[in-house]
């Protein structure tokens, strides 16, 4: 059985041949979302029929299939349509077949299970680009030979043809095919042309992009998204009126390059552009209210450094995205932004030596079980005391570590240090659990489970006393792979905690689908519920949801007796927060395990509950 899913504005037809329908559907749905028209076939013979009748632009085929396998498909396609890219999908145990397929004429291969569907999109895109290039070269050769045959009388005509083709190729190399404005390569080329001019005046570079462009594509379709980009490019071009250049430097990112005699004139022009870009767009029958975030760098013409200028405007643009939820903002790269930028670079540079020097350490915040009247466990929290900047908030250094690719080292240090401490103090034997957060990027890493297994074996940590906290957003990247990872970890005895519940998807279906054990209500709800009845009602609903699904419920950020009492009324007895204790250093944790809960009870009786905990270092 074969069928096609139509897309009137598709990037091309892709034929997917696989005898496993779920695999076909996953790949097909993903490719449709990317903008392709997808054809399906469940075996090689049916695939060749679709190939002959429909003429797809590229073919994805499994190797092992009944009736006709992937190798036979590749061999047949070499005779039928040698110019059509064919990509082999193979398990890691079939690498010999992959080699055979490549020798037969396959263009590329993908190993399955496919951990990241972006690899699939990237491979198809590169194969289609290669096919288009080969087609262009073939057409170029054909046209050239035809011109030579028809106009052999004069060499001048041949030279002219070559010039025209070269001009077209140069245009395509430096211009965006959708908007026909310059691309990133032309932007950098033009920016370099201002280097070492030694002239008076100023040069401004603006980086601006559409906020929530993905949501626009999802809601209105890719065709309207393309219309928006073309309309945005036209607006900027109209405002510049030939006195500046606009480029499309990314999916929804534009750069504007302009020189002027004064800094003020440039700043005024760029702010005018930003205001105009935020005006409503009439696209077909739709009226869109779209906001743009922008970063701006202005430099004297006598001191233009292209790379530094582009990096500066990129950072200013990122600050604009961070500083406002809607992003309707332009940030000028100035001394303040420069200091923020330098601080970020300094922190990034200091992470690896800081880890080696012992600047990173863990503190542990208790999780109390009020129903049983005992300590339930601790959450391990990463801290960084930088010799230059002092204490750095995890909210600042964790994102930097993720962007710099250093999060794996930090995560390994945290998990191994905490597990080793638990084993050394025999805390697991006392029934005290250890909760530790796994970052989104670390959770997506292919080697996550072997990495955890190795650390547990190395430290002799009891996996049944380990709780791994994972945010909702991390779980949603690849649901199928997420479920497999969670099930493997639970099979080891590890319990899974859904962190910051209520701030993300919070879907009942995902609660049912994901193999999790604990819900942690985000502290933003806890800290508002005693002032806002609606928030308290949401917390009550979350508590009921946890009960329905048989999950433990931990309330984060409990800071007052009022909050404590309100939580107990709705059946929430596992609490974590400053009311009970600030995060503790190792020696403080040991003392807390010995006297902590009884001390809390005594303090509650004396009425000085809020005074418990050490604020000094953690």
Protein backbone atom coordinates (compact mmCIF):
# COMPACT_ATOMS: atom_id res chain seq x y z
CA UNK A 1 0.00 0.00 0.00
CA UNK A 2 1.29 3.46 -0.88
CA UNK A 3 -0.07 6.91 -0.38
CA UNK A 4 1.05 10.50 -0.43
CA UNK A 5 0.53 13.43 1.89
CA UNK A 6 0.17 16.61 -0.11
CA UNK A 7 1.72 19.96 0.61
CA UNK A 8 1.01 22.64 -1.94
CA UNK A 9 4.14 24.59 -0.99
CA UNK A 10 6.41 21.60 -0.36
CA UNK A 11 10.19 21.66 -0.57
CA UNK A 12 9.99 18.47 -2.67
CA UNK A 13 8.66 14.92 -2.76
CA UNK A 14 10.28 12.34 -0.49
CA UNK A 15 9.53 8.62 -0.92
CA UNK A 16 9.84 6.63 2.33
CA UNK A 17 10.18 2.85 1.86
CA UNK A 18 9.98 0.78 5.04
CA UNK A 19 7.99 -2.32 5.98
CA UNK A 20 7.42 -0.97 9.52
CA UNK A 21 4.47 1.40 9.40
CA UNK A 22 5.26 3.19 12.71
CA UNK A 23 8.75 4.03 11.42
CA UNK A 24 7.30 5.33 8.16
CA UNK A 25 4.74 7.43 9.97
CA UNK A 26 7.27 9.02 12.36
CA UNK A 27 9.60 9.95 9.52
CA UNK A 28 6.71 11.00 7.31
CA UNK A 29 5.14 13.27 9.95
CA UNK A 30 8.49 14.89 10.69
CA UNK A 31 9.25 15.50 7.00
CA UNK A 32 5.77 16.96 6.47
CA UNK A 33 6.40 19.37 9.34
CA UNK A 34 9.64 20.34 7.60
CA UNK A 35 7.67 21.24 4.46
CA UNK A 36 8.09 18.15 2.26
CA UNK A 37 5.45 16.14 0.42
CA UNK A 38 5.79 12.53 1.58
CA UNK A 39 5.12 9.34 -0.42
CA UNK A 40 4.98 5.98 1.36
CA UNK A 41 5.71 2.40 0.31
CA UNK A 42 5.91 -0.71 2.49
CA UNK A 43 8.38 -2.74 0.40
CA UNK A 44 10.93 -2.35 -2.35
CA UNK A 45 8.73 -3.51 -5.22
CA UNK A 46 5.96 -1.10 -4.28
CA UNK A 47 8.56 1.64 -3.82
CA UNK A 48 9.83 1.24 -7.40
CA UNK A 49 6.26 1.51 -8.70
CA UNK A 50 5.77 4.76 -6.78
CA UNK A 51 9.16 5.94 -8.02
CA UNK A 52 8.15 5.32 -11.64
CA UNK A 53 4.67 6.86 -11.30
CA UNK A 54 5.30 9.81 -8.97
CA UNK A 55 8.90 10.81 -9.66
CA UNK A 56 10.01 11.76 -6.10
CA UNK A 57 12.95 14.09 -5.54
CA UNK A 58 14.63 11.72 -3.06
CA UNK A 59 14.14 8.21 -1.65
CA UNK A 60 14.62 6.93 1.91
CA UNK A 61 14.73 3.14 2.07
CA UNK A 62 15.26 0.57 4.79
CA UNK A 63 17.68 -2.26 4.01
CA UNK A 64 15.83 -5.26 5.39
CA UNK A 65 12.37 -5.65 3.88
CA UNK A 66 10.25 -8.47 2.46
CA UNK A 67 9.55 -8.83 -1.28
CA UNK A 68 12.49 -6.60 -2.30
CA UNK A 69 15.15 -5.28 0.08
CA UNK A 70 16.93 -1.94 0.09
CA UNK A 71 19.99 -3.16 -1.82
CA UNK A 72 17.80 -4.29 -4.69
CA UNK A 73 16.04 -0.93 -4.65
CA UNK A 74 19.37 0.91 -4.92
CA UNK A 75 20.50 -1.33 -7.79
CA UNK A 76 17.23 -0.83 -9.66
CA UNK A 77 17.26 2.94 -9.14
CA UNK A 78 20.74 3.16 -10.62
CA UNK A 79 19.23 2.03 -13.93
CA UNK A 80 15.84 3.76 -13.60
CA UNK A 81 16.63 7.19 -12.13
CA UNK A 82 20.37 7.56 -11.41
CA UNK A 83 19.98 11.28 -10.66
CA UNK A 84 17.49 10.69 -7.82
CA UNK A 85 19.17 10.69 -4.38
CA UNK A 86 18.64 7.45 -2.45
CA UNK A 87 19.46 7.35 1.26
CA UNK A 88 19.82 4.06 3.13
CA UNK A 89 18.38 3.67 6.64
CA UNK A 90 20.19 0.90 8.48
CA UNK A 91 20.66 -0.53 11.93
CA UNK A 92 24.14 -0.36 13.39
CA UNK A 93 24.51 -4.11 12.91
CA UNK A 94 24.12 -3.85 9.13
CA UNK A 95 27.14 -1.71 8.30
CA UNK A 96 28.36 -4.20 5.68
CA UNK A 97 25.06 -3.74 3.87
CA UNK A 98 25.52 0.03 4.08
CA UNK A 99 28.90 -0.30 2.37
CA UNK A 100 27.33 -2.50 -0.31
CA UNK A 101 24.55 0.03 -0.82
CA UNK A 102 27.03 2.89 -1.22
CA UNK A 103 28.95 0.87 -3.79
CA UNK A 104 25.72 0.21 -5.67
CA UNK A 105 24.97 3.92 -5.86
CA UNK A 106 23.36 5.05 -2.59
CA UNK A 107 24.06 8.71 -1.89
CA UNK A 108 24.15 8.61 1.89
CA UNK A 109 23.03 6.60 4.92
CA UNK A 110 21.43 7.11 8.33
CA UNK A 111 21.82 4.73 11.26
CA UNK A 112 18.76 3.81 13.28
CA UNK A 113 17.30 4.16 15.77
CA UNK A 114 17.42 7.81 14.70
CA UNK A 115 18.20 9.65 17.92
CA UNK A 116 17.64 13.12 16.47
CA UNK A 117 15.26 13.60 13.55
CA UNK A 118 17.14 16.79 12.65
CA UNK A 119 19.83 14.43 11.28
CA UNK A 120 17.20 13.07 8.89
CA UNK A 121 16.23 16.56 7.74
CA UNK A 122 19.87 17.61 7.35
CA UNK A 123 20.80 14.49 5.33
CA UNK A 124 17.84 14.92 2.97
CA UNK A 125 18.51 18.62 2.54
CA UNK A 126 22.18 18.03 1.70
CA UNK A 127 21.29 15.25 -0.76
CA UNK A 128 18.71 17.46 -2.49
CA UNK A 129 21.21 20.32 -2.65
CA UNK A 130 23.79 17.97 -4.13
CA UNK A 131 21.25 16.67 -6.66
CA UNK A 132 20.28 20.22 -7.56
CA UNK A 133 23.92 21.11 -8.02
CA UNK A 134 24.53 18.08 -10.24
CA UNK A 135 21.41 18.92 -12.21
CA UNK A 136 22.57 22.50 -12.55
CA UNK A 137 26.03 21.38 -13.67
CA UNK A 138 24.52 19.01 -16.19
CA UNK A 139 22.19 21.70 -17.46
CA UNK A 140 25.03 24.17 -17.50
CA UNK A 141 27.13 21.79 -19.56
CA UNK A 142 24.25 21.12 -21.92
CA UNK A 143 23.51 24.77 -22.39
CA UNK A 144 27.16 25.59 -22.87
CA UNK A 145 27.61 22.91 -25.51
CA UNK A 146 24.44 24.06 -27.26
CA UNK A 147 25.68 27.63 -27.31
CA UNK A 148 29.02 26.53 -28.66
CA UNK A 149 27.37 24.49 -31.43
CA UNK A 150 24.97 27.26 -32.38
CA UNK A 151 27.39 30.16 -32.16
CA UNK A 152 30.76 28.80 -33.05
CA UNK A 153 31.20 31.72 -35.40
CA UNK A 154 32.37 34.06 -32.73
CA UNK A 155 34.27 33.55 -29.54
CA UNK A 156 32.61 36.68 -28.21
CA UNK A 157 29.26 34.94 -27.78
CA UNK A 158 30.82 32.09 -25.84
CA UNK A 159 32.57 34.50 -23.51
CA UNK A 160 29.32 36.39 -23.01
CA UNK A 161 27.46 33.22 -22.10
CA UNK A 162 30.12 32.34 -19.59
CA UNK A 163 29.92 35.78 -18.06
CA UNK A 164 26.16 35.59 -17.72
CA UNK A 165 26.30 32.18 -16.07
CA UNK A 166 29.10 33.30 -13.79
CA UNK A 167 27.11 36.38 -12.86
CA UNK A 168 24.08 34.24 -12.04
CA UNK A 169 26.18 31.86 -9.96
CA UNK A 170 27.71 34.75 -8.07
CA UNK A 171 24.28 36.20 -7.41
CA UNK A 172 22.99 32.89 -6.07
CA UNK A 173 26.08 32.49 -3.88
CA UNK A 174 25.58 35.85 -2.17
CA UNK A 175 21.79 36.28 -2.14
CA UNK A 176 18.85 34.72 -0.33
CA UNK A 177 16.63 32.74 -2.74
CA UNK A 178 13.39 33.72 -0.96
CA UNK A 179 13.75 37.47 -0.48
CA UNK A 180 16.49 38.09 -3.10
CA UNK A 181 18.37 40.29 -0.64
CA UNK A 182 21.95 39.60 0.39
CA UNK A 183 22.80 36.62 2.60
CA UNK A 184 25.21 36.19 5.52
CA UNK A 185 28.19 35.71 3.19
CA UNK A 186 27.53 39.02 1.45
CA UNK A 187 26.98 40.74 4.79
CA UNK A 188 30.38 39.66 6.06
CA UNK A 189 31.99 40.53 2.73
CA UNK A 190 30.51 44.03 2.81
CA UNK A 191 31.41 44.43 6.48
CA UNK A 192 35.04 43.56 5.71
CA UNK A 193 35.05 46.19 2.96
CA UNK A 194 34.80 48.89 5.66
CA UNK A 195 37.90 47.65 7.48
CA UNK A 196 40.92 49.96 7.48
CA UNK A 197 39.13 52.71 5.55
CA UNK A 198 40.52 55.42 7.76
CA UNK A 199 37.60 57.70 6.93
CA UNK A 200 35.45 59.89 9.12
CA UNK A 201 31.94 58.89 10.06
CA UNK A 202 30.28 55.86 11.61
CA UNK A 203 29.16 52.38 10.59
CA UNK A 204 26.11 50.73 12.15
CA UNK A 205 25.15 47.05 12.15
CA UNK A 206 21.66 45.98 13.22
CA UNK A 207 20.61 42.37 13.85
CA UNK A 208 16.84 41.90 14.05
CA UNK A 209 14.59 38.85 14.08
CA UNK A 210 10.95 37.82 14.35
CA UNK A 211 9.78 36.77 17.80
CA UNK A 212 7.93 33.45 17.98
CA UNK A 213 8.49 32.77 14.27
CA UNK A 214 8.14 29.03 14.84
CA UNK A 215 4.71 29.55 16.38
CA UNK A 216 3.71 31.66 13.36
CA UNK A 217 4.73 28.84 11.02
CA UNK A 218 2.91 26.30 13.18
CA UNK A 219 -0.27 28.38 13.36
CA UNK A 220 -0.49 29.80 9.84
CA UNK A 221 1.74 27.54 7.75
CA UNK A 222 5.15 27.91 6.10
CA UNK A 223 3.74 29.81 3.11
CA UNK A 224 2.52 32.67 5.28
CA UNK A 225 5.77 32.57 7.23
CA UNK A 226 7.64 33.08 3.96
CA UNK A 227 5.31 35.96 3.07
CA UNK A 228 6.11 37.59 6.41
CA UNK A 229 9.86 37.35 5.76
CA UNK A 230 9.48 38.87 2.30
CA UNK A 231 7.30 41.67 3.67
CA UNK A 232 9.83 42.39 6.43
CA UNK A 233 12.68 42.55 3.90
CA UNK A 234 10.63 44.93 1.73
CA UNK A 235 9.95 47.23 4.70
CA UNK A 236 13.61 47.56 5.57
CA UNK A 237 14.58 48.08 1.93
CA UNK A 238 11.96 50.80 1.56
CA UNK A 239 13.13 52.66 4.68
CA UNK A 240 16.79 52.50 3.65
CA UNK A 241 15.92 53.91 0.20
CA UNK A 242 19.24 52.82 -1.23
CA UNK A 243 21.27 54.31 1.63
CA UNK A 244 22.20 51.06 3.33
CA UNK A 245 22.04 47.31 2.81
CA UNK A 246 19.77 44.62 4.24
CA UNK A 247 20.64 40.92 4.45
CA UNK A 248 18.88 37.75 5.50
CA UNK A 249 21.48 36.11 7.72
CA UNK A 250 19.38 33.32 9.27
CA UNK A 251 15.99 31.66 9.16
CA UNK A 252 14.13 34.71 10.49
CA UNK A 253 17.11 37.00 11.13
CA UNK A 254 17.97 40.12 9.17
CA UNK A 255 21.06 42.31 9.32
CA UNK A 256 21.17 45.96 8.27
CA UNK A 257 24.46 47.71 7.43
CA UNK A 258 24.56 51.49 7.07
CA UNK A 259 27.10 54.30 7.31
CA UNK A 260 26.47 57.93 8.21
CA UNK A 261 28.30 61.03 9.31
CA UNK A 262 27.08 60.93 12.92
CA UNK A 263 26.33 58.31 15.54
CA UNK A 264 23.00 59.98 16.29
CA UNK A 265 21.79 59.83 12.70
CA UNK A 266 22.55 56.12 12.53
CA UNK A 267 20.84 55.42 15.85
CA UNK A 268 17.73 57.32 14.75
CA UNK A 269 17.55 55.41 11.46
CA UNK A 270 17.89 52.01 13.12
CA UNK A 271 15.25 52.83 15.73
CA UNK A 272 12.95 53.92 12.89
CA UNK A 273 13.50 50.55 11.22
CA UNK A 274 12.76 48.70 14.45
CA UNK A 275 9.53 50.65 15.04
CA UNK A 276 8.40 50.06 11.46
CA UNK A 277 9.08 46.34 11.72
CA UNK A 278 6.78 46.10 14.75
CA UNK A 279 3.81 47.61 12.90
CA UNK A 280 1.01 45.17 11.86
CA UNK A 281 1.38 43.05 8.71
CA UNK A 282 -1.45 42.42 6.26
CA UNK A 283 -0.72 39.07 4.60
CA UNK A 284 -3.53 37.79 2.41
CA UNK A 285 -6.57 37.59 4.66
CA UNK A 286 -4.52 37.67 7.85
CA UNK A 287 -3.60 40.68 9.99
CA UNK A 288 -0.51 39.77 12.02
CA UNK A 289 0.79 41.62 15.06
CA UNK A 290 4.45 40.67 15.07
CA UNK A 291 7.25 41.88 17.32
CA UNK A 292 10.95 42.02 16.53
CA UNK A 293 13.95 41.95 18.86
CA UNK A 294 17.07 43.79 17.74
CA UNK A 295 20.69 44.34 18.67
CA UNK A 296 22.70 47.33 17.45
CA UNK A 297 26.42 48.12 17.28
CA UNK A 298 27.76 51.43 16.01
CA UNK A 299 31.48 51.83 15.39
CA UNK A 300 33.67 54.67 14.06
CA UNK A 301 34.71 53.99 10.46
CA UNK A 302 38.30 54.37 11.57
CA UNK A 303 38.03 51.38 13.95
CA UNK A 304 35.85 48.77 12.22
CA UNK A 305 36.65 45.18 13.29
CA UNK A 306 34.19 42.94 11.36
CA UNK A 307 34.35 39.88 13.58
CA UNK A 308 34.13 41.82 16.84
CA UNK A 309 31.34 43.97 15.45
CA UNK A 310 29.26 40.97 14.41
CA UNK A 311 29.86 39.21 17.74
CA UNK A 312 28.88 42.37 19.61
CA UNK A 313 25.63 42.85 17.71
CA UNK A 314 24.83 39.16 18.15
CA UNK A 315 25.23 39.47 21.93
CA UNK A 316 23.18 42.69 22.05
CA UNK A 317 20.44 40.94 20.08
CA UNK A 318 20.47 38.03 22.50
CA UNK A 319 20.17 40.46 25.41
CA UNK A 320 17.12 42.00 23.72
CA UNK A 321 15.52 38.56 23.50
CA UNK A 322 16.22 37.85 27.17
CA UNK A 323 15.19 41.17 28.69
CA UNK A 324 11.56 41.17 27.52
CA UNK A 325 9.06 38.36 27.22
CA UNK A 326 7.68 39.75 23.97
CA UNK A 327 11.07 40.77 22.69
CA UNK A 328 9.78 44.14 21.41
CA UNK A 329 13.09 45.81 22.21
CA UNK A 330 16.31 47.08 20.67
CA UNK A 331 19.52 46.80 22.70
CA UNK A 332 22.48 48.98 21.75
CA UNK A 333 25.86 47.47 22.44
CA UNK A 334 27.30 49.93 24.98
CA UNK A 335 29.57 49.81 28.00
CA UNK A 336 26.93 48.08 30.14
CA UNK A 337 26.22 45.43 27.51
CA UNK A 338 29.96 45.16 26.93
CA UNK A 339 30.54 44.45 30.61
CA UNK A 340 27.81 41.79 30.55
CA UNK A 341 29.42 40.29 27.45
CA UNK A 342 32.90 40.36 29.01
CA UNK A 343 31.53 38.82 32.21
CA UNK A 344 29.93 36.00 30.23
CA UNK A 345 33.16 35.33 28.32
CA UNK A 346 35.13 35.47 31.56
CA UNK A 347 32.79 33.03 33.29
CA UNK A 348 32.85 30.68 30.33
CA UNK A 349 36.65 30.80 30.23
CA UNK A 350 36.88 30.23 33.99
CA UNK A 351 34.62 27.19 34.21
CA UNK A 352 37.05 24.42 33.35
CA UNK A 353 39.94 25.71 35.52
CA UNK A 354 37.38 26.58 38.21
CA UNK A 355 36.16 23.00 38.33
CA UNK A 356 39.73 21.75 38.60
CA UNK A 357 40.46 24.28 41.37
CA UNK A 358 37.48 23.23 43.49
CA UNK A 359 35.46 26.41 42.98
CA UNK A 360 32.35 24.36 42.22
CA UNK A 361 30.72 22.56 45.11
CA UNK A 362 27.41 21.07 46.17
CA UNK A 363 24.98 22.09 48.85
CA UNK A 364 22.03 20.00 49.95
CA UNK A 365 18.53 21.22 50.81
CA UNK A 366 16.36 18.91 52.96
CA UNK A 367 13.07 17.47 51.77
CA UNK A 368 10.86 16.92 54.82
CA UNK A 369 8.08 14.35 55.22
CA UNK A 370 5.61 16.00 57.60
CA UNK A 371 3.18 13.09 57.50
CA UNK A 372 5.71 10.58 58.80
CA UNK A 373 7.56 13.16 60.87
CA UNK A 374 10.96 12.46 59.41
CA UNK A 375 13.57 13.54 56.92
CA UNK A 376 12.81 12.22 53.41
CA UNK A 377 15.99 13.23 51.62
CA UNK A 378 18.02 16.06 50.12
CA UNK A 379 18.29 17.80 46.79
CA UNK A 380 21.87 18.42 45.64
CA UNK A 381 22.34 21.98 44.37
CA UNK A 382 25.37 23.18 42.40
CA UNK A 383 27.18 26.30 43.61
CA UNK A 384 30.12 28.27 42.17
CA UNK A 385 32.32 30.64 44.14
CA UNK A 386 34.39 32.46 41.53
CA UNK A 387 37.54 34.17 42.88
CA UNK A 388 36.82 37.32 40.84
CA UNK A 389 33.01 37.60 40.82
CA UNK A 390 32.18 35.80 44.07
CA UNK A 391 29.12 33.57 44.22
CA UNK A 392 27.58 33.01 40.77
CA UNK A 393 23.91 32.09 40.55
CA UNK A 394 23.14 28.71 38.95
CA UNK A 395 20.59 30.59 36.86
CA UNK A 396 23.54 32.39 35.29
CA UNK A 397 26.27 29.76 35.00
CA UNK A 398 24.15 26.73 34.00
CA UNK A 399 22.95 28.31 30.70
CA UNK A 400 26.52 29.43 29.96
CA UNK A 401 27.77 25.89 30.61
CA UNK A 402 25.11 24.48 28.29
CA UNK A 403 25.94 26.91 25.48
CA UNK A 404 29.69 26.37 25.93
CA UNK A 405 29.38 22.58 25.88
CA UNK A 406 30.66 22.30 29.48
CA UNK A 407 27.46 20.98 31.05
CA UNK A 408 28.55 17.34 30.76
CA UNK A 409 31.61 17.94 32.91
CA UNK A 410 29.58 19.83 35.52
CA UNK A 411 26.87 17.18 35.55
CA UNK A 412 29.40 14.38 35.96
CA UNK A 413 31.09 16.23 38.82
CA UNK A 414 27.76 16.84 40.56
CA UNK A 415 26.40 13.31 40.25
CA UNK A 416 29.66 11.58 41.13
CA UNK A 417 30.41 13.91 44.08
CA UNK A 418 26.92 13.57 45.53
CA UNK A 419 26.78 9.79 45.11
CA UNK A 420 30.24 9.38 46.63
CA UNK A 421 29.24 11.54 49.61
CA UNK A 422 26.06 9.48 50.08
CA UNK A 423 28.07 6.26 50.01
CA UNK A 424 30.78 7.57 52.36
CA UNK A 425 28.22 8.76 54.93
CA UNK A 426 26.05 5.63 54.46
CA UNK A 427 23.04 7.92 54.01
CA UNK A 428 21.24 5.54 51.67
CA UNK A 429 21.36 2.87 54.37
CA UNK A 430 19.50 5.32 56.64
CA UNK A 431 16.71 5.62 54.06
CA UNK A 432 17.71 9.15 53.02
CA UNK A 433 17.17 9.84 49.33
CA UNK A 434 19.39 11.94 47.03
CA UNK A 435 17.70 14.12 44.41
CA UNK A 436 19.79 15.70 41.68
CA UNK A 437 18.88 17.64 38.57
CA UNK A 438 19.81 16.50 35.08
CA UNK A 439 20.00 19.40 32.61
CA UNK A 440 17.99 19.28 29.41
CA UNK A 441 21.08 18.98 27.20
CA UNK A 442 22.56 16.26 29.40
CA UNK A 443 19.29 14.31 29.32
CA UNK A 444 19.30 14.40 25.51
CA UNK A 445 22.84 12.99 25.37
CA UNK A 446 22.93 9.54 23.81
CA UNK A 447 25.25 8.16 26.48
CA UNK A 448 23.18 9.31 29.47
CA UNK A 449 22.19 5.88 30.84
CA UNK A 450 25.66 4.27 30.53
CA UNK A 451 27.13 7.39 32.15
CA UNK A 452 24.78 7.10 35.15
CA UNK A 453 25.40 3.35 35.38
CA UNK A 454 29.17 3.90 35.47
CA UNK A 455 28.96 6.50 38.27
CA UNK A 456 26.65 4.33 40.38
CA UNK A 457 29.07 1.42 40.05
CA UNK A 458 32.09 3.60 40.80
CA UNK A 459 30.58 5.13 43.96
CA UNK A 460 28.63 2.05 45.15
CA UNK A 461 25.55 4.28 45.42
CA UNK A 462 22.25 2.44 45.93
CA UNK A 463 20.18 3.37 42.83
CA UNK A 464 16.95 2.87 44.77
CA UNK A 465 17.79 5.95 46.85
CA UNK A 466 18.57 8.16 43.84
CA UNK A 467 16.01 10.59 42.39
CA UNK A 468 16.82 12.19 39.04
CA UNK A 469 14.99 15.48 38.50
CA UNK A 470 14.18 16.34 34.88
CA UNK A 471 12.26 19.36 33.60
CA UNK A 472 9.12 19.01 31.48
CA UNK A 473 10.68 20.80 28.51
CA UNK A 474 13.56 18.30 28.34
CA UNK A 475 11.14 15.37 28.20
CA UNK A 476 9.27 16.81 25.22
CA UNK A 477 12.12 16.94 22.69
CA UNK A 478 11.78 13.30 21.61
CA UNK A 479 8.93 11.57 23.43
CA UNK A 480 9.67 8.05 22.23
CA UNK A 481 13.35 8.20 23.14
CA UNK A 482 12.47 9.89 26.45
CA UNK A 483 10.20 7.02 27.46
CA UNK A 484 12.88 4.44 26.60
CA UNK A 485 15.50 6.28 28.67
CA UNK A 486 13.21 6.70 31.65
CA UNK A 487 12.21 3.04 31.59
CA UNK A 488 15.87 1.95 31.51
CA UNK A 489 16.67 4.14 34.51
CA UNK A 490 13.64 2.94 36.46
CA UNK A 491 14.63 -0.65 35.73
CA UNK A 492 17.88 0.11 37.57
CA UNK A 493 15.88 1.24 40.61
CA UNK A 494 16.26 4.98 40.03
CA UNK A 495 13.15 7.06 40.61
CA UNK A 496 12.25 9.87 38.21
CA UNK A 497 11.07 13.28 39.40
CA UNK A 498 9.32 15.75 37.09
CA UNK A 499 10.82 19.10 38.09
CA UNK A 500 9.14 22.54 37.95
CA UNK A 501 5.74 20.98 37.30
CA UNK A 502 3.14 23.52 36.23
CA UNK A 503 5.52 25.80 34.31
CA UNK A 504 5.55 23.79 31.08
CA UNK A 505 3.19 21.46 29.24
CA UNK A 506 1.63 19.92 32.38
CA UNK A 507 -0.36 17.51 30.23
CA UNK A 508 -2.44 14.71 31.73
CA UNK A 509 -1.55 12.57 28.74
CA UNK A 510 2.16 13.00 29.40
CA UNK A 511 1.69 12.19 33.09
CA UNK A 512 0.03 8.97 31.99
CA UNK A 513 2.58 8.23 29.29
CA UNK A 514 5.88 9.03 31.00
CA UNK A 515 7.21 6.55 33.59
CA UNK A 516 7.72 9.04 36.42
CA UNK A 517 7.44 8.71 40.19
CA UNK A 518 7.48 12.22 41.67
CA UNK A 519 5.97 15.60 40.82
CA UNK A 520 7.73 18.71 42.12
CA UNK A 521 5.46 21.75 42.16
CA UNK A 522 7.41 24.81 41.09
CA UNK A 523 8.09 27.32 43.85
CA UNK A 524 6.43 30.12 41.85
CA UNK A 525 3.06 28.50 42.66
CA UNK A 526 3.88 27.86 46.32
CA UNK A 527 4.99 31.42 46.97
CA UNK A 528 1.84 32.94 45.43
CA UNK A 529 -0.83 30.59 46.73
CA UNK A 530 -1.31 32.30 50.12
CA UNK A 531 -2.03 35.58 48.30
CA UNK A 532 -3.97 34.31 45.27
CA UNK A 533 -6.90 31.87 45.67
CA UNK A 534 -6.66 30.86 42.01
CA UNK A 535 -3.06 29.82 42.43
CA UNK A 536 -3.97 27.82 45.54
CA UNK A 537 -6.70 26.10 43.53
CA UNK A 538 -4.13 25.19 40.87
CA UNK A 539 -1.88 23.70 43.54
CA UNK A 540 -4.82 21.71 44.90
CA UNK A 541 -5.54 20.39 41.39
CA UNK A 542 -1.89 19.37 41.01
CA UNK A 543 -2.06 17.52 44.32
CA UNK A 544 -5.18 15.68 43.15
CA UNK A 545 -3.50 14.83 39.84
CA UNK A 546 -0.52 13.37 41.67
CA UNK A 547 -2.85 11.27 43.83
CA UNK A 548 -4.78 9.99 40.80
CA UNK A 549 -1.58 8.89 39.05
CA UNK A 550 -0.05 7.44 42.22
CA UNK A 551 2.83 9.93 42.28
CA UNK A 552 4.65 11.49 45.21
CA UNK A 553 4.20 15.25 45.41
CA UNK A 554 6.99 17.56 46.57
CA UNK A 555 6.32 21.25 47.17
CA UNK A 556 9.35 23.46 46.47
CA UNK A 557 9.97 26.89 47.96
CA UNK A 558 7.95 26.56 51.18
CA UNK A 559 8.93 29.62 53.19
CA UNK A 560 6.16 30.29 55.73
CA UNK A 561 3.96 28.48 58.22
CA UNK A 562 0.92 29.69 56.30
CA UNK A 563 2.14 27.94 53.16
CA UNK A 564 2.97 24.83 55.17
CA UNK A 565 -0.53 24.66 56.67
CA UNK A 566 -2.22 25.29 53.32
CA UNK A 567 -0.26 22.45 51.73
CA UNK A 568 -1.07 20.04 54.53
CA UNK A 569 -4.79 20.79 54.11
CA UNK A 570 -4.69 19.49 50.52
CA UNK A 571 -2.67 16.40 51.39
CA UNK A 572 0.80 17.66 50.46
CA UNK A 573 3.28 16.55 53.10
CA UNK A 574 6.66 16.45 51.30
CA UNK A 575 8.10 19.96 51.62
CA UNK A 576 11.32 21.68 50.61
CA UNK A 577 12.21 25.28 51.27
CA UNK A 578 13.75 27.94 53.48
CA UNK A 579 11.09 27.38 56.15
CA UNK A 580 12.85 24.13 57.01
CA UNK A 581 16.40 24.86 55.98
CA UNK A 582 18.57 26.73 53.55
CA UNK A 583 20.84 24.50 51.44
CA UNK A 584 23.48 22.94 53.68
CA UNK A 585 27.17 22.26 53.33
CA UNK A 586 28.36 18.67 53.85
CA UNK A 587 29.14 18.98 57.57
CA UNK A 588 25.86 20.80 58.17
CA UNK A 589 24.00 18.02 56.38
CA UNK A 590 25.48 15.42 58.70
CA UNK A 591 24.40 17.41 61.77
CA UNK A 592 20.96 17.95 60.27
CA UNK A 593 20.50 14.22 59.77
CA UNK A 594 21.22 13.71 63.46
CA UNK A 595 19.03 16.46 64.95
CA UNK A 596 17.32 18.25 62.08
CA UNK A 597 13.71 17.15 62.22
CA UNK A 598 13.44 17.20 66.00
CA UNK A 599 14.98 20.69 65.95
CA UNK A 600 12.32 21.79 63.51
CA UNK A 601 9.56 20.48 65.76
CA UNK A 602 11.04 22.24 68.78
CA UNK A 603 11.39 25.50 66.84
CA UNK A 604 7.79 25.30 65.66
CA UNK A 605 6.66 24.89 69.27
CA UNK A 606 8.76 27.91 70.30
CA UNK A 607 7.40 29.97 67.39
CA UNK A 608 10.78 30.70 65.77
CA UNK A 609 10.38 28.25 62.89
CA UNK A 610 11.62 30.72 60.27
CA UNK A 611 14.97 31.15 61.97
CA UNK A 612 16.18 27.65 61.14
CA UNK A 613 18.92 27.18 58.60
CA UNK A 614 22.33 28.56 57.71
CA UNK A 615 22.47 31.33 55.09
CA UNK A 616 26.23 31.78 55.17
CA UNK A 617 27.62 29.80 52.24
CA UNK A 618 24.84 27.96 50.42
